[in-house]
Protein backbone atom coordinates (compact mmCIF):
# COMPACT_ATOMS: atom_id res chain seq x y z
CA MET A 1 25.53 3.78 6.60
CA LYS A 2 22.12 2.21 6.07
CA LYS A 3 21.42 0.55 2.75
CA LYS A 4 18.62 1.94 0.61
CA LEU A 5 15.21 0.29 0.56
CA THR A 6 12.18 1.27 -1.50
CA VAL A 7 8.66 0.38 -0.33
CA ILE A 8 6.19 0.66 -3.20
CA LYS A 9 2.43 0.62 -2.77
CA VAL A 10 0.30 -0.02 -5.85
CA GLY A 11 -3.47 0.14 -6.13
CA GLY A 12 -5.68 -2.74 -7.11
CA LYS A 13 -6.52 -1.38 -10.55
CA ILE A 14 -2.86 -1.61 -11.59
CA VAL A 15 -2.21 -5.15 -10.34
CA GLU A 16 -5.56 -6.65 -11.33
CA GLU A 17 -5.26 -6.20 -15.10
CA GLU A 18 -2.76 -8.32 -17.02
CA GLN A 19 -1.34 -5.53 -19.18
CA THR A 20 -0.83 -2.98 -16.41
CA LEU A 21 0.50 -5.65 -14.03
CA HIS A 22 3.11 -6.77 -16.56
CA ARG A 23 4.29 -3.20 -17.10
CA LEU A 24 4.39 -2.55 -13.34
CA LEU A 25 6.54 -5.61 -12.68
CA GLU A 26 8.93 -4.64 -15.49
CA ASP A 27 9.27 -1.18 -13.93
CA PHE A 28 9.59 -2.69 -10.44
CA ARG A 29 12.53 -4.77 -11.67
CA GLU A 30 14.35 -1.51 -12.49
CA VAL A 31 14.05 -0.16 -8.95
CA PRO A 32 17.59 -0.37 -7.53
CA GLY A 33 18.52 -1.98 -4.23
CA TYR A 34 16.30 -3.63 -1.68
CA LYS A 35 12.55 -3.33 -2.20
CA VAL A 36 9.10 -4.27 -0.90
CA LEU A 37 5.80 -4.28 -2.82
CA VAL A 38 2.47 -3.63 -1.08
CA HIS A 39 -0.70 -4.11 -3.15
CA GLY A 40 -4.44 -3.62 -3.11
CA GLY A 41 -7.10 -5.63 -4.92
CA GLY A 42 -10.48 -4.11 -4.16
CA ARG A 43 -11.95 -4.32 -7.66
CA SER A 44 -11.33 -8.06 -7.86
CA ALA A 45 -12.81 -8.52 -4.39
CA THR A 46 -15.95 -6.61 -5.40
CA ARG A 47 -16.31 -8.58 -8.63
CA ILE A 48 -15.84 -12.00 -7.04
CA ALA A 49 -18.10 -11.11 -4.10
CA SER A 50 -20.80 -10.19 -6.62
CA GLN A 51 -20.34 -13.52 -8.42
CA LEU A 52 -20.85 -15.25 -5.06
CA GLY A 53 -24.00 -13.22 -4.35
CA ILE A 54 -22.34 -11.09 -1.65
CA GLU A 55 -23.13 -7.38 -1.78
CA SER A 56 -20.15 -5.03 -1.28
CA GLN A 57 -20.83 -2.07 1.00
CA MET A 58 -18.59 1.00 1.01
CA VAL A 59 -18.64 4.00 3.39
CA HIS A 60 -16.36 6.98 2.65
CA GLY A 61 -14.42 4.77 0.23
CA ARG A 62 -13.82 2.10 2.89
CA ARG A 63 -15.14 -1.45 2.57
CA ILE A 64 -17.52 -2.78 5.22
CA THR A 65 -16.04 -6.21 5.98
CA ASP A 66 -18.64 -8.61 7.37
CA ALA A 67 -17.85 -12.30 7.85
CA ASP A 68 -18.71 -13.26 4.25
CA THR A 69 -16.72 -10.35 2.83
CA LEU A 70 -13.74 -11.24 5.02
CA ARG A 71 -13.65 -14.70 3.46
CA VAL A 72 -13.71 -13.15 -0.01
CA VAL A 73 -10.96 -10.58 0.62
CA THR A 74 -8.77 -13.21 2.28
CA MET A 75 -9.07 -15.41 -0.81
CA VAL A 76 -8.64 -12.56 -3.29
CA TYR A 77 -5.98 -10.42 -1.61
CA GLY A 78 -3.92 -13.19 -0.02
CA GLY A 79 -4.45 -15.67 -2.84
CA LEU A 80 -5.45 -14.60 -6.34
CA VAL A 81 -3.91 -11.11 -6.52
CA ASN A 82 -0.88 -11.76 -4.31
CA LYS A 83 0.18 -14.98 -6.02
CA ASN A 84 -0.28 -13.54 -9.51
CA ILE A 85 2.18 -10.80 -8.54
CA VAL A 86 4.62 -13.26 -6.98
CA ALA A 87 4.51 -15.53 -10.03
CA GLY A 88 5.08 -12.54 -12.31
CA LEU A 89 8.10 -11.44 -10.29
CA GLN A 90 9.57 -14.94 -10.28
CA ALA A 91 9.29 -14.91 -14.09
CA LEU A 92 11.54 -11.84 -14.00
CA ASP A 93 14.07 -13.60 -11.75
CA ILE A 94 13.01 -11.62 -8.69
CA ASN A 95 12.84 -13.91 -5.66
CA ALA A 96 9.53 -12.77 -4.19
CA LEU A 97 7.59 -14.04 -1.18
CA GLY A 98 3.89 -13.28 -0.74
CA LEU A 99 2.87 -12.34 2.78
CA THR A 100 -0.16 -11.36 4.79
CA GLY A 101 0.31 -9.90 8.24
CA ALA A 102 -0.39 -13.31 9.73
CA ASP A 103 2.59 -14.92 7.99
CA MET A 104 5.51 -15.00 10.44
CA ASN A 105 3.39 -12.68 12.63
CA VAL A 106 4.80 -9.69 10.71
CA ILE A 107 1.79 -7.38 11.18
CA ARG A 108 -0.62 -7.59 14.08
CA SER A 109 -3.72 -5.43 14.26
CA ALA A 110 -6.70 -4.75 16.48
CA LYS A 111 -10.27 -4.90 15.16
CA ARG A 112 -11.46 -1.35 14.62
CA PRO A 113 -13.85 -0.24 17.39
CA VAL A 114 -17.42 0.45 16.39
CA GLY A 115 -18.03 4.20 16.11
CA GLU A 116 -20.42 6.02 13.80
CA VAL A 117 -19.75 3.19 11.36
CA ASP A 118 -19.24 -0.50 12.10
CA TYR A 119 -16.56 -1.47 9.58
CA GLY A 120 -16.65 -5.10 10.69
CA PHE A 121 -13.49 -7.17 10.44
CA VAL A 122 -11.17 -4.26 9.64
CA GLY A 123 -7.81 -4.01 11.37
CA ASP A 124 -5.91 -1.02 12.69
CA VAL A 125 -2.19 -1.83 12.73
CA LYS A 126 -0.64 -2.10 16.19
CA GLN A 127 2.68 -3.84 15.59
CA VAL A 128 5.00 -4.56 12.66
CA ASP A 129 7.97 -6.91 13.07
CA GLY A 130 10.47 -4.84 11.11
CA GLU A 131 13.40 -6.96 12.28
CA ARG A 132 11.88 -10.13 10.83
CA LEU A 133 11.06 -8.39 7.54
CA ALA A 134 14.56 -6.93 7.42
CA GLY A 135 15.99 -10.42 7.83
CA LEU A 136 14.09 -11.62 4.76
CA ILE A 137 15.10 -8.58 2.74
CA ARG A 138 18.79 -8.99 3.57
CA GLN A 139 18.58 -12.54 2.18
CA GLY A 140 17.60 -11.07 -1.19
CA ILE A 141 13.90 -11.86 -0.80
CA VAL A 142 11.32 -9.30 -1.97
CA PRO A 143 8.25 -9.29 0.31
CA VAL A 144 4.95 -8.84 -1.57
CA MET A 145 2.45 -7.77 1.05
CA ALA A 146 -1.30 -8.23 0.79
CA PRO A 147 -3.68 -5.85 2.61
CA LEU A 148 -4.49 -8.37 5.33
CA THR A 149 -3.36 -8.56 8.95
CA HIS A 150 -4.36 -10.62 11.99
CA ASP A 151 -5.27 -10.04 15.62
CA GLY A 152 -3.16 -12.78 17.21
CA ARG A 153 -6.28 -14.69 18.25
CA GLY A 154 -6.88 -16.54 15.01
CA ASN A 155 -8.76 -13.85 13.13
CA MET A 156 -7.76 -12.29 9.81
CA LEU A 157 -8.51 -8.58 9.36
CA ASN A 158 -8.96 -6.50 6.22
CA THR A 159 -6.45 -3.62 6.45
CA ASN A 160 -5.92 -0.58 4.25
CA ALA A 161 -2.96 -1.07 1.90
CA ASP A 162 -1.79 2.55 2.21
CA THR A 163 -1.65 2.09 5.98
CA ILE A 164 0.29 -1.17 5.64
CA ALA A 165 2.81 0.51 3.33
CA GLY A 166 3.26 3.36 5.79
CA GLU A 167 3.60 1.16 8.86
CA VAL A 168 5.99 -1.25 7.13
CA SER A 169 8.11 1.71 6.00
CA LYS A 170 8.25 3.09 9.54
CA SER A 171 9.30 -0.26 11.01
CA LEU A 172 12.00 -0.79 8.36
CA SER A 173 13.44 2.74 8.74
CA GLU A 174 15.31 1.45 11.80
CA PHE A 175 17.29 -0.88 9.51
CA PHE A 176 17.35 0.84 6.10
CA ASP A 177 17.30 4.24 4.42
CA VAL A 178 13.66 4.00 3.32
CA THR A 179 11.87 5.66 0.43
CA LEU A 180 8.10 5.11 0.38
CA VAL A 181 6.37 5.39 -3.01
CA TYR A 182 2.59 5.56 -3.34
CA CYS A 183 1.68 5.07 -6.98
CA PHE A 184 -1.59 5.37 -8.84
CA GLU A 185 -2.92 6.46 -12.24
CA LYS A 186 -1.85 10.13 -12.12
CA LYS A 187 1.66 11.65 -12.28
CA GLY A 188 1.35 12.96 -8.72
CA VAL A 189 -0.90 15.20 -6.62
CA LEU A 190 -2.57 17.60 -9.06
CA SER A 191 -3.46 21.25 -8.54
CA ASP A 192 -6.11 20.86 -11.27
CA GLU A 193 -7.82 17.48 -11.48
CA ASN A 194 -8.58 18.15 -15.17
CA ASP A 195 -4.92 18.76 -16.05
CA ASP A 196 -2.71 15.68 -15.70
CA ASN A 197 0.40 17.86 -16.00
CA SER A 198 -0.49 20.14 -13.07
CA VAL A 199 1.64 18.11 -10.65
CA ILE A 200 2.45 19.76 -7.31
CA SER A 201 6.17 18.97 -7.03
CA ARG A 202 6.56 19.40 -3.24
CA ILE A 203 4.10 19.48 -0.35
CA ASP A 204 4.85 20.28 3.28
CA ARG A 205 2.33 20.38 6.13
CA GLU A 206 1.50 24.06 5.63
CA LEU A 207 0.79 23.59 1.93
CA PHE A 208 -1.19 20.43 2.70
CA ALA A 209 -3.49 22.32 5.06
CA TYR A 210 -3.90 25.09 2.50
CA TYR A 211 -4.76 22.73 -0.37
CA VAL A 212 -7.27 20.81 1.77
CA ALA A 213 -8.96 24.07 2.83
CA GLU A 214 -9.13 25.18 -0.82
CA GLY A 215 -10.57 21.83 -1.94
CA VAL A 216 -7.57 21.10 -4.18
CA ILE A 217 -6.73 18.00 -2.16
CA GLN A 218 -9.78 15.97 -1.20
CA GLY A 219 -11.23 12.48 -0.88
CA GLY A 220 -8.86 9.54 -0.65
CA MET A 221 -5.80 11.71 -1.23
CA ILE A 222 -6.18 13.25 2.25
CA PRO A 223 -5.54 10.04 4.25
CA LYS A 224 -2.79 9.09 1.76
CA LEU A 225 -0.94 12.34 2.52
CA GLU A 226 -1.61 12.03 6.25
CA ASN A 227 0.03 8.59 6.12
CA ALA A 228 2.94 10.14 4.22
CA PHE A 229 3.58 12.82 6.85
CA GLN A 230 3.36 10.27 9.65
CA ALA A 231 5.96 8.15 7.86
CA ILE A 232 8.32 11.12 7.52
CA ASP A 233 7.87 11.92 11.23
CA ALA A 234 8.74 8.30 12.09
CA GLY A 235 12.07 8.26 10.24
CA VAL A 236 11.24 7.44 6.60
CA SER A 237 13.67 9.44 4.44
CA LYS A 238 11.42 10.25 1.52
CA VAL A 239 7.79 9.80 0.45
CA VAL A 240 6.80 10.13 -3.19
CA ILE A 241 3.36 10.06 -4.81
CA THR A 242 3.61 9.27 -8.51
CA GLN A 243 2.26 7.10 -11.31
CA ALA A 244 3.14 3.43 -11.55
CA SER A 245 5.33 3.88 -14.63
CA ALA A 246 7.67 6.20 -12.68
CA ILE A 247 8.37 4.06 -9.62
CA HIS A 248 12.05 3.77 -10.52
CA GLN A 249 12.32 7.56 -10.97
CA THR A 250 11.74 8.85 -7.45
CA GLU A 251 12.58 12.44 -8.42
CA GLU A 252 9.32 12.49 -10.41
CA GLY A 253 5.85 13.03 -8.98
CA THR A 254 5.01 14.79 -5.73
CA GLN A 255 7.64 14.84 -2.97
CA ILE A 256 6.32 14.93 0.60
CA ILE A 257 8.66 16.89 2.87
CA ALA A 258 8.78 17.57 6.59
């Protein structure tokens, strides 16, 4: 029988502020069994880029990553945000290791082709070394993964954290019974954006299509749910969308089912 593993993805807003980060790490400590943390950090990247005189450009919620922006996100995601999380976990006696995709070659990507939009140095994940990650995890190490990958030719690539969480979960499902948790500020996917208690408890593909057509699910939640269904199809046991304070209560929030 495979041992349980929880992959938790948290947005930048939660990990970039001292108070919310501290609470997250306390809650993360309560998650039983093996675990992995995947984080964002976009607000810090935007703020520091501005301080350096670099304008941040966004299209459909995605960052345009030119050469200057790539240097900033590499410093912020792989350095400032990642190491603050690792240090906070070590203070809680959790033996954490901060990783980008380039470290130990765990995630290799290809630069996104230019289409209607040139996203610059943005990576689409092609390969995750689940066996190598599993080896770390079995040693009692908690990987803390920044939203950065590499192309195998010496170039770092900015890569969506939701995608990294999904791809890491898929690769580790060969070795563990994986639950993937996407957490953000709300209690789950809401049927009424003005009512924080209107959580949709379960969503399958048919309901997903219906809610998108009705405009209930829109914006950044659409690719998040698409990632969730792809993870389920690839062998991940459970995907949950919930708020950060409920990451150790995976019966809460919105359950994504096949």
